[in-house]
Structures are given as structure tokens and as C-alpha cells.
Amino acid sequence: MEKGTTISISLHTVDRIIDLKVPSQVTVARLKTILQESFPIIHIRLPENFELALLNKPIHLRNEAILADYSLGNGDQLQVIERQKNREENPL
């Protein structure tokens, strides 16, 4: 990839921190898909439903936004946060 098209990040999962180089011109949703497809190769399982949170900046990552649209840079840290499935309440 050309210079400036990737970002070196640390990804925090439940039990480890993984250093990654990720493309900067993908959406957050696409990055999540890439991670879900790639991690089984290295024997790491991610939750079926999860969000990515930026640990060291007060920025909320939207799924449809491109990573380059945020002020992300080398050394930033993302955390995998499992999203609970909505439970339907039973009316009494």
C-alpha cells in the first residue's frame, strides 16, 4: 500500500492486545468485517456482534464513516466491545 494508506493501531480484545496495520480508506463496518474474517486464521475469535471504540480519544466511531475521516494515527488504540443482542420483553 502507498504511504499514508494504512494506520498502525493496537486492538484490545478480551484477553490480548494485538498490533495491526489497517487500511485508512475503509469504513468502520468494513474494518470490522475484515477483522472477523482474518482473526480465525490466527486462532482468535471475536464476538459475533461488536463495536470498535477508540480508547485514547473522545471520538465515537460510526459504522458508515471512513477511518481517514477521523483523526486516527499510528499508535491509536481500538477496543472490541461485545454488543449484547436486544432481548424482547414479554408483556405481562
PDB file of N, CA and C in Angstrom:
ATOM      1  N   MET A   1       0.838  -1.186   0.000  1.00  0.00           N
ATOM      2  CA  MET A   1       0.000   0.000   0.000  1.00  0.00           C
ATOM      3  C   MET A   1       0.878   1.243   0.000  1.00  0.00           C
ATOM      4  N   GLU A   2       0.358   2.303  -0.566  1.00  0.00           N
ATOM      5  CA  GLU A   2       1.106   3.547  -0.599  1.00  0.00           C
ATOM      6  C   GLU A   2       1.215   4.133   0.801  1.00  0.00           C
ATOM      7  N   LYS A   3       2.238   4.979   0.972  1.00  0.00           N
ATOM      8  CA  LYS A   3       2.429   5.644   2.258  1.00  0.00           C
ATOM      9  C   LYS A   3       1.177   6.445   2.608  1.00  0.00           C
ATOM     10  N   GLY A   4       0.771   6.364   3.851  1.00  0.00           N
ATOM     11  CA  GLY A   4      -0.397   7.110   4.296  1.00  0.00           C
ATOM     12  C   GLY A   4      -1.713   6.388   4.086  1.00  0.00           C
ATOM     13  N   THR A   5      -1.677   5.204   3.495  1.00  0.00           N
ATOM     14  CA  THR A   5      -2.922   4.481   3.273  1.00  0.00           C
ATOM     15  C   THR A   5      -3.209   3.462   4.371  1.00  0.00           C
ATOM     16  N   THR A   6      -2.299   3.348   5.331  1.00  0.00           N
ATOM     17  CA  THR A   6      -2.517   2.449   6.464  1.00  0.00           C
ATOM     18  C   THR A   6      -2.251   3.184   7.773  1.00  0.00           C
ATOM     19  N   ILE A   7      -2.807   2.636   8.833  1.00  0.00           N
ATOM     20  CA  ILE A   7      -2.611   3.168  10.180  1.00  0.00           C
ATOM     21  C   ILE A   7      -2.174   2.000  11.064  1.00  0.00           C
ATOM     22  N   SER A   8      -1.156   2.210  11.869  1.00  0.00           N
ATOM     23  CA  SER A   8      -0.719   1.190  12.832  1.00  0.00           C
ATOM     24  C   SER A   8      -1.459   1.422  14.138  1.00  0.00           C
ATOM     25  N   ILE A   9      -2.257   0.438  14.535  1.00  0.00           N
ATOM     26  CA  ILE A   9      -3.071   0.555  15.749  1.00  0.00           C
ATOM     27  C   ILE A   9      -2.816  -0.632  16.667  1.00  0.00           C
ATOM     28  N   SER A  10      -3.296  -0.514  17.889  1.00  0.00           N
ATOM     29  CA  SER A  10      -3.357  -1.648  18.812  1.00  0.00           C
ATOM     30  C   SER A  10      -4.826  -1.960  19.016  1.00  0.00           C
ATOM     31  N   LEU A  11      -5.183  -3.222  18.857  1.00  0.00           N
ATOM     32  CA  LEU A  11      -6.561  -3.659  19.036  1.00  0.00           C
ATOM     33  C   LEU A  11      -6.654  -4.455  20.331  1.00  0.00           C
ATOM     34  N   HIS A  12      -7.483  -3.960  21.250  1.00  0.00           N
ATOM     35  CA  HIS A  12      -7.675  -4.613  22.547  1.00  0.00           C
ATOM     36  C   HIS A  12      -8.874  -5.553  22.444  1.00  0.00           C
ATOM     37  N   THR A  13      -8.631  -6.837  22.675  1.00  0.00           N
ATOM     38  CA  THR A  13      -9.714  -7.809  22.751  1.00  0.00           C
ATOM     39  C   THR A  13      -9.871  -8.191  24.219  1.00  0.00           C
ATOM     40  N   VAL A  14     -10.705  -9.162  24.501  1.00  0.00           N
ATOM     41  CA  VAL A  14     -10.951  -9.555  25.890  1.00  0.00           C
ATOM     42  C   VAL A  14      -9.670  -9.963  26.600  1.00  0.00           C
ATOM     43  N   ASP A  15      -8.825 -10.730  25.915  1.00  0.00           N
ATOM     44  CA  ASP A  15      -7.672 -11.305  26.604  1.00  0.00           C
ATOM     45  C   ASP A  15      -6.311 -10.949  26.026  1.00  0.00           C
ATOM     46  N   ARG A  16      -6.259 -10.045  25.062  1.00  0.00           N
ATOM     47  CA  ARG A  16      -4.954  -9.683  24.495  1.00  0.00           C
ATOM     48  C   ARG A  16      -5.006  -8.356  23.761  1.00  0.00           C
ATOM     49  N   ILE A  17      -3.817  -7.853  23.466  1.00  0.00           N
ATOM     50  CA  ILE A  17      -3.661  -6.635  22.675  1.00  0.00           C
ATOM     51  C   ILE A  17      -2.870  -7.024  21.434  1.00  0.00           C
ATOM     52  N   ILE A  18      -3.411  -6.683  20.269  1.00  0.00           N
ATOM     53  CA  ILE A  18      -2.807  -7.083  19.002  1.00  0.00           C
ATOM     54  C   ILE A  18      -2.431  -5.831  18.221  1.00  0.00           C
ATOM     55  N   ASP A  19      -1.178  -5.760  17.799  1.00  0.00           N
ATOM     56  CA  ASP A  19      -0.730  -4.653  16.962  1.00  0.00           C
ATOM     57  C   ASP A  19      -1.054  -4.971  15.512  1.00  0.00           C
ATOM     58  N   LEU A  20      -1.710  -4.027  14.840  1.00  0.00           N
ATOM     59  CA  LEU A  20      -2.159  -4.228  13.464  1.00  0.00           C
ATOM     60  C   LEU A  20      -1.843  -3.018  12.602  1.00  0.00           C
ATOM     61  N   LYS A  21      -1.737  -3.255  11.329  1.00  0.00           N
ATOM     62  CA  LYS A  21      -1.687  -2.189  10.340  1.00  0.00           C
ATOM     63  C   LYS A  21      -2.973  -2.333   9.535  1.00  0.00           C
ATOM     64  N   VAL A  22      -3.822  -1.310   9.575  1.00  0.00           N
ATOM     65  CA  VAL A  22      -5.128  -1.388   8.924  1.00  0.00           C
ATOM     66  C   VAL A  22      -5.245  -0.314   7.848  1.00  0.00           C
ATOM     67  N   PRO A  23      -6.052  -0.573   6.811  1.00  0.00           N
ATOM     68  CA  PRO A  23      -6.238   0.433   5.762  1.00  0.00           C
ATOM     69  C   PRO A  23      -7.010   1.634   6.303  1.00  0.00           C
ATOM     70  N   SER A  24      -6.620   2.818   5.891  1.00  0.00           N
ATOM     71  CA  SER A  24      -7.282   4.033   6.378  1.00  0.00           C
ATOM     72  C   SER A  24      -8.476   4.436   5.514  1.00  0.00           C
ATOM     73  N   GLN A  25      -8.617   3.838   4.345  1.00  0.00           N
ATOM     74  CA  GLN A  25      -9.682   4.234   3.423  1.00  0.00           C
ATOM     75  C   GLN A  25     -10.852   3.254   3.408  1.00  0.00           C
ATOM     76  N   VAL A  26     -11.093   2.600   4.538  1.00  0.00           N
ATOM     77  CA  VAL A  26     -12.249   1.703   4.661  1.00  0.00           C
ATOM     78  C   VAL A  26     -13.190   2.248   5.724  1.00  0.00           C
ATOM     79  N   THR A  27     -14.435   1.826   5.648  1.00  0.00           N
ATOM     80  CA  THR A  27     -15.388   2.225   6.684  1.00  0.00           C
ATOM     81  C   THR A  27     -15.131   1.399   7.943  1.00  0.00           C
ATOM     82  N   VAL A  28     -15.659   1.878   9.033  1.00  0.00           N
ATOM     83  CA  VAL A  28     -15.559   1.141  10.292  1.00  0.00           C
ATOM     84  C   VAL A  28     -16.241  -0.223  10.132  1.00  0.00           C
ATOM     85  N   ALA A  29     -17.384  -0.259   9.460  1.00  0.00           N
ATOM     86  CA  ALA A  29     -18.091  -1.528   9.241  1.00  0.00           C
ATOM     87  C   ALA A  29     -17.231  -2.501   8.443  1.00  0.00           C
ATOM     88  N   ARG A  30     -16.554  -2.014   7.419  1.00  0.00           N
ATOM     89  CA  ARG A  30     -15.694  -2.886   6.610  1.00  0.00           C
ATOM     90  C   ARG A  30     -14.507  -3.386   7.428  1.00  0.00           C
ATOM     91  N   LEU A  31     -13.925  -2.529   8.258  1.00  0.00           N
ATOM     92  CA  LEU A  31     -12.822  -2.954   9.115  1.00  0.00           C
ATOM     93  C   LEU A  31     -13.281  -4.077  10.042  1.00  0.00           C
ATOM     94  N   LYS A  32     -14.472  -3.948  10.604  1.00  0.00           N
ATOM     95  CA  LYS A  32     -14.994  -4.993  11.483  1.00  0.00           C
ATOM     96  C   LYS A  32     -15.132  -6.312  10.725  1.00  0.00           C
ATOM     97  N   THR A  33     -15.602  -6.244   9.476  1.00  0.00           N
ATOM     98  CA  THR A  33     -15.726  -7.448   8.653  1.00  0.00           C
ATOM     99  C   THR A  33     -14.360  -8.059   8.373  1.00  0.00           C
ATOM    100  N   ILE A  34     -13.392  -7.224   8.032  1.00  0.00           N
ATOM    101  CA  ILE A  34     -12.028  -7.704   7.771  1.00  0.00           C
ATOM    102  C   ILE A  34     -11.477  -8.411   9.006  1.00  0.00           C
ATOM    103  N   LEU A  35     -11.679  -7.819  10.168  1.00  0.00           N
ATOM    104  CA  LEU A  35     -11.189  -8.426  11.408  1.00  0.00           C
ATOM    105  C   LEU A  35     -11.867  -9.769  11.663  1.00  0.00           C
ATOM    106  N   GLN A  36     -13.193  -9.827  11.483  1.00  0.00           N
ATOM    107  CA  GLN A  36     -13.923 -11.077  11.719  1.00  0.00           C
ATOM    108  C   GLN A  36     -13.480 -12.175  10.752  1.00  0.00           C
ATOM    109  N   GLU A  37     -13.139 -11.800   9.526  1.00  0.00           N
ATOM    110  CA  GLU A  37     -12.703 -12.794   8.540  1.00  0.00           C
ATOM    111  C   GLU A  37     -11.258 -13.220   8.753  1.00  0.00           C
ATOM    112  N   SER A  38     -10.419 -12.318   9.249  1.00  0.00           N
ATOM    113  CA  SER A  38      -8.981 -12.580   9.357  1.00  0.00           C
ATOM    114  C   SER A  38      -8.570 -13.237  10.670  1.00  0.00           C
ATOM    115  N   PHE A  39      -9.204 -12.894  11.753  1.00  0.00           N
ATOM    116  CA  PHE A  39      -8.742 -13.358  13.053  1.00  0.00           C
ATOM    117  C   PHE A  39      -8.800 -14.871  13.256  1.00  0.00           C
ATOM    118  N   PRO A  40      -9.776 -15.590  12.692  1.00  0.00           N
ATOM    119  CA  PRO A  40      -9.740 -17.052  12.857  1.00  0.00           C
ATOM    120  C   PRO A  40      -8.453 -17.682  12.315  1.00  0.00           C
ATOM    121  N   ILE A  41      -7.817 -17.052  11.354  1.00  0.00           N
ATOM    122  CA  ILE A  41      -6.558 -17.561  10.799  1.00  0.00           C
ATOM    123  C   ILE A  41      -5.487 -17.619  11.882  1.00  0.00           C
ATOM    124  N   ILE A  42      -5.513 -16.657  12.806  1.00  0.00           N
ATOM    125  CA  ILE A  42      -4.523 -16.633  13.888  1.00  0.00           C
ATOM    126  C   ILE A  42      -5.130 -17.140  15.208  1.00  0.00           C
ATOM    127  N   HIS A  43      -6.225 -17.886  15.073  1.00  0.00           N
ATOM    128  CA  HIS A  43      -6.882 -18.556  16.204  1.00  0.00           C
ATOM    129  C   HIS A  43      -7.393 -17.582  17.266  1.00  0.00           C
ATOM    130  N   ILE A  44      -7.932 -16.465  16.801  1.00  0.00           N
ATOM    131  CA  ILE A  44      -8.570 -15.503  17.700  1.00  0.00           C
ATOM    132  C   ILE A  44     -10.015 -15.360  17.246  1.00  0.00           C
ATOM    133  N   ARG A  45     -10.919 -15.512  18.195  1.00  0.00           N
ATOM    134  CA  ARG A  45     -12.336 -15.390  17.869  1.00  0.00           C
ATOM    135  C   ARG A  45     -12.873 -14.084  18.435  1.00  0.00           C
ATOM    136  N   LEU A  46     -13.523 -13.324  17.586  1.00  0.00           N
ATOM    137  CA  LEU A  46     -14.159 -12.080  18.009  1.00  0.00           C
ATOM    138  C   LEU A  46     -15.638 -12.349  18.256  1.00  0.00           C
ATOM    139  N   PRO A  47     -16.278 -11.525  19.082  1.00  0.00           N
ATOM    140  CA  PRO A  47     -17.718 -11.692  19.288  1.00  0.00           C
ATOM    141  C   PRO A  47     -18.466 -11.542  17.960  1.00  0.00           C
ATOM    142  N   GLU A  48     -19.603 -12.203  17.858  1.00  0.00           N
ATOM    143  CA  GLU A  48     -20.406 -12.108  16.641  1.00  0.00           C
ATOM    144  C   GLU A  48     -20.871 -10.669  16.411  1.00  0.00           C
ATOM    145  N   ASN A  49     -21.311 -10.017  17.469  1.00  0.00           N
ATOM    146  CA  ASN A  49     -21.747  -8.619  17.397  1.00  0.00           C
ATOM    147  C   ASN A  49     -20.840  -7.785  18.282  1.00  0.00           C
ATOM    148  N   PHE A  50     -20.134  -6.833  17.672  1.00  0.00           N
ATOM    149  CA  PHE A  50     -19.250  -5.987  18.466  1.00  0.00           C
ATOM    150  C   PHE A  50     -19.128  -4.604  17.846  1.00  0.00           C
ATOM    151  N   GLU A  51     -18.705  -3.680  18.671  1.00  0.00           N
ATOM    152  CA  GLU A  51     -18.398  -2.321  18.249  1.00  0.00           C
ATOM    153  C   GLU A  51     -16.914  -2.092  18.452  1.00  0.00           C
ATOM    154  N   LEU A  52     -16.376  -1.121  17.746  1.00  0.00           N
ATOM    155  CA  LEU A  52     -15.000  -0.691  17.970  1.00  0.00           C
ATOM    156  C   LEU A  52     -15.044   0.665  18.650  1.00  0.00           C
ATOM    157  N   ALA A  53     -14.325   0.793  19.742  1.00  0.00           N
ATOM    158  CA  ALA A  53     -14.264   2.053  20.480  1.00  0.00           C
ATOM    159  C   ALA A  53     -12.828   2.548  20.481  1.00  0.00           C
ATOM    160  N   LEU A  54     -12.665   3.838  20.316  1.00  0.00           N
ATOM    161  CA  LEU A  54     -11.346   4.457  20.349  1.00  0.00           C
ATOM    162  C   LEU A  54     -11.010   4.760  21.799  1.00  0.00           C
ATOM    163  N   LEU A  55      -9.909   4.203  22.284  1.00  0.00           N
ATOM    164  CA  LEU A  55      -9.583   4.321  23.705  1.00  0.00           C
ATOM    165  C   LEU A  55      -8.946   5.647  24.089  1.00  0.00           C
ATOM    166  N   ASN A  56      -8.115   6.195  23.244  1.00  0.00           N
ATOM    167  CA  ASN A  56      -7.319   7.337  23.678  1.00  0.00           C
ATOM    168  C   ASN A  56      -7.796   8.681  23.140  1.00  0.00           C
ATOM    169  N   LYS A  57      -8.988   8.726  22.569  1.00  0.00           N
ATOM    170  CA  LYS A  57      -9.563   9.986  22.083  1.00  0.00           C
ATOM    171  C   LYS A  57     -11.073   9.943  22.299  1.00  0.00           C
ATOM    172  N   PRO A  58     -11.688  11.095  22.581  1.00  0.00           N
ATOM    173  CA  PRO A  58     -13.140  11.114  22.821  1.00  0.00           C
ATOM    174  C   PRO A  58     -13.932  11.156  21.511  1.00  0.00           C
ATOM    175  N   ILE A  59     -13.785  10.118  20.697  1.00  0.00           N
ATOM    176  CA  ILE A  59     -14.435  10.060  19.388  1.00  0.00           C
ATOM    177  C   ILE A  59     -15.292   8.806  19.330  1.00  0.00           C
ATOM    178  N   HIS A  60     -16.538   8.954  18.872  1.00  0.00           N
ATOM    179  CA  HIS A  60     -17.417   7.803  18.653  1.00  0.00           C
ATOM    180  C   HIS A  60     -17.284   7.383  17.192  1.00  0.00           C
ATOM    181  N   LEU A  61     -16.922   6.131  16.946  1.00  0.00           N
ATOM    182  CA  LEU A  61     -16.746   5.618  15.587  1.00  0.00           C
ATOM    183  C   LEU A  61     -18.089   5.144  15.039  1.00  0.00           C
ATOM    184  N   ARG A  62     -18.513   5.752  13.936  1.00  0.00           N
ATOM    185  CA  ARG A  62     -19.757   5.352  13.273  1.00  0.00           C
ATOM    186  C   ARG A  62     -19.443   4.321  12.195  1.00  0.00           C
ATOM    187  N   ASN A  63     -20.268   3.303  12.062  1.00  0.00           N
ATOM    188  CA  ASN A  63     -20.024   2.219  11.112  1.00  0.00           C
ATOM    189  C   ASN A  63     -19.868   2.691   9.676  1.00  0.00           C
ATOM    190  N   GLU A  64     -20.612   3.716   9.276  1.00  0.00           N
ATOM    191  CA  GLU A  64     -20.578   4.155   7.881  1.00  0.00           C
ATOM    192  C   GLU A  64     -19.444   5.140   7.580  1.00  0.00           C
ATOM    193  N   ALA A  65     -18.714   5.572   8.586  1.00  0.00           N
ATOM    194  CA  ALA A  65     -17.638   6.555   8.396  1.00  0.00           C
ATOM    195  C   ALA A  65     -16.340   5.872   7.967  1.00  0.00           C
ATOM    196  N   ILE A  66     -15.578   6.570   7.147  1.00  0.00           N
ATOM    197  CA  ILE A  66     -14.268   6.083   6.703  1.00  0.00           C
ATOM    198  C   ILE A  66     -13.246   6.433   7.781  1.00  0.00           C
ATOM    199  N   LEU A  67     -12.356   5.500   8.071  1.00  0.00           N
ATOM    200  CA  LEU A  67     -11.355   5.718   9.127  1.00  0.00           C
ATOM    201  C   LEU A  67     -10.570   7.008   8.916  1.00  0.00           C
ATOM    202  N   ALA A  68     -10.222   7.320   7.666  1.00  0.00           N
ATOM    203  CA  ALA A  68      -9.432   8.518   7.373  1.00  0.00           C
ATOM    204  C   ALA A  68     -10.174   9.805   7.736  1.00  0.00           C
ATOM    205  N   ASP A  69     -11.503   9.741   7.879  1.00  0.00           N
ATOM    206  CA  ASP A  69     -12.282  10.927   8.254  1.00  0.00           C
ATOM    207  C   ASP A  69     -12.091  11.309   9.719  1.00  0.00           C
ATOM    208  N   TYR A  70     -11.571  10.389  10.517  1.00  0.00           N
ATOM    209  CA  TYR A  70     -11.296  10.657  11.922  1.00  0.00           C
ATOM    210  C   TYR A  70      -9.836  11.059  12.063  1.00  0.00           C
ATOM    211  N   SER A  71      -9.504  11.615  13.198  1.00  0.00           N
ATOM    212  CA  SER A  71      -8.103  11.998  13.432  1.00  0.00           C
ATOM    213  C   SER A  71      -7.322  10.822  14.010  1.00  0.00           C
ATOM    214  N   LEU A  72      -7.438   9.670  13.360  1.00  0.00           N
ATOM    215  CA  LEU A  72      -6.714   8.478  13.794  1.00  0.00           C
ATOM    216  C   LEU A  72      -5.297   8.523  13.256  1.00  0.00           C
ATOM    217  N   GLY A  73      -4.380   8.018  14.045  1.00  0.00           N
ATOM    218  CA  GLY A  73      -2.990   7.978  13.613  1.00  0.00           C
ATOM    219  C   GLY A  73      -2.287   6.770  14.189  1.00  0.00           C
ATOM    220  N   ASN A  74      -1.049   6.608  13.780  1.00  0.00           N
ATOM    221  CA  ASN A  74      -0.251   5.495  14.283  1.00  0.00           C
ATOM    222  C   ASN A  74      -0.207   5.537  15.807  1.00  0.00           C
ATOM    223  N   GLY A  75      -0.411   4.389  16.421  1.00  0.00           N
ATOM    224  CA  GLY A  75      -0.365   4.293  17.876  1.00  0.00           C
ATOM    225  C   GLY A  75      -1.715   4.388  18.556  1.00  0.00           C
ATOM    226  N   ASP A  76      -2.762   4.740  17.807  1.00  0.00           N
ATOM    227  CA  ASP A  76      -4.084   4.786  18.423  1.00  0.00           C
ATOM    228  C   ASP A  76      -4.517   3.383  18.825  1.00  0.00           C
ATOM    229  N   GLN A  77      -5.439   3.337  19.784  1.00  0.00           N
ATOM    230  CA  GLN A  77      -5.872   2.061  20.343  1.00  0.00           C
ATOM    231  C   GLN A  77      -7.381   1.907  20.191  1.00  0.00           C
ATOM    232  N   LEU A  78      -7.771   0.787  19.595  1.00  0.00           N
ATOM    233  CA  LEU A  78      -9.183   0.457  19.452  1.00  0.00           C
ATOM    234  C   LEU A  78      -9.505  -0.715  20.365  1.00  0.00           C
ATOM    235  N   GLN A  79     -10.712  -0.704  20.903  1.00  0.00           N
ATOM    236  CA  GLN A  79     -11.142  -1.797  21.768  1.00  0.00           C
ATOM    237  C   GLN A  79     -12.367  -2.472  21.172  1.00  0.00           C
ATOM    238  N   VAL A  80     -12.362  -3.796  21.206  1.00  0.00           N
ATOM    239  CA  VAL A  80     -13.516  -4.586  20.793  1.00  0.00           C
ATOM    240  C   VAL A  80     -14.474  -4.642  21.979  1.00  0.00           C
ATOM    241  N   ILE A  81     -15.692  -4.159  21.766  1.00  0.00           N
ATOM    242  CA  ILE A  81     -16.710  -4.180  22.817  1.00  0.00           C
ATOM    243  C   ILE A  81     -17.877  -5.022  22.323  1.00  0.00           C
ATOM    244  N   GLU A  82     -18.118  -6.128  23.025  1.00  0.00           N
ATOM    245  CA  GLU A  82     -19.215  -7.012  22.625  1.00  0.00           C
ATOM    246  C   GLU A  82     -20.541  -6.296  22.797  1.00  0.00           C
ATOM    247  N   ARG A  83     -21.352  -6.377  21.773  1.00  0.00           N
ATOM    248  CA  ARG A  83     -22.680  -5.764  21.794  1.00  0.00           C
ATOM    249  C   ARG A  83     -23.685  -6.851  22.127  1.00  0.00           C
ATOM    250  N   GLN A  84     -24.478  -6.615  23.150  1.00  0.00           N
ATOM    251  CA  GLN A  84     -25.488  -7.588  23.564  1.00  0.00           C
ATOM    252  C   GLN A  84     -26.660  -7.542  22.597  1.00  0.00           C
ATOM    253  N   LYS A  85     -27.189  -8.704  22.291  1.00  0.00           N
ATOM    254  CA  LYS A  85     -28.381  -8.764  21.448  1.00  0.00           C
ATOM    255  C   LYS A  85     -29.555  -8.220  22.237  1.00  0.00           C
ATOM    256  N   ASN A  86     -30.428  -7.496  21.549  1.00  0.00           N
ATOM    257  CA  ASN A  86     -31.614  -6.956  22.210  1.00  0.00           C
ATOM    258  C   ASN A  86     -32.552  -8.093  22.581  1.00  0.00           C
ATOM    259  N   ARG A  87     -32.957  -8.072  23.828  1.00  0.00           N
ATOM    260  CA  ARG A  87     -33.922  -9.069  24.280  1.00  0.00           C
ATOM    261  C   ARG A  87     -35.312  -8.466  24.198  1.00  0.00           C
ATOM    262  N   GLU A  88     -36.219  -9.227  23.625  1.00  0.00           N
ATOM    263  CA  GLU A  88     -37.596  -8.759  23.568  1.00  0.00           C
ATOM    264  C   GLU A  88     -38.246  -9.017  24.922  1.00  0.00           C
ATOM    265  N   GLU A  89     -38.864  -7.983  25.416  1.00  0.00           N
ATOM    266  CA  GLU A  89     -39.538  -8.130  26.706  1.00  0.00           C
ATOM    267  C   GLU A  89     -40.903  -8.771  26.490  1.00  0.00           C
ATOM    268  N   ASN A  90     -41.233  -9.686  27.355  1.00  0.00           N
ATOM    269  CA  ASN A  90     -42.545 -10.330  27.282  1.00  0.00           C
ATOM    270  C   ASN A  90     -43.554  -9.491  28.045  1.00  0.00           C
ATOM    271  N   PRO A  91     -44.616  -9.074  27.361  1.00  0.00           N
ATOM    272  CA  PRO A  91     -45.640  -8.311  28.087  1.00  0.00           C
ATOM    273  C   PRO A  91     -46.370  -9.215  29.077  1.00  0.00           C
ATOM    274  N   LEU A  92     -46.715  -8.655  30.205  1.00  0.00           N
ATOM    275  CA  LEU A  92     -47.425  -9.428  31.238  1.00  0.00           C
ATOM    276  C   LEU A  92     -48.898  -9.393  31.032  1.00  0.00           C
TER     277      LEU A  92
END
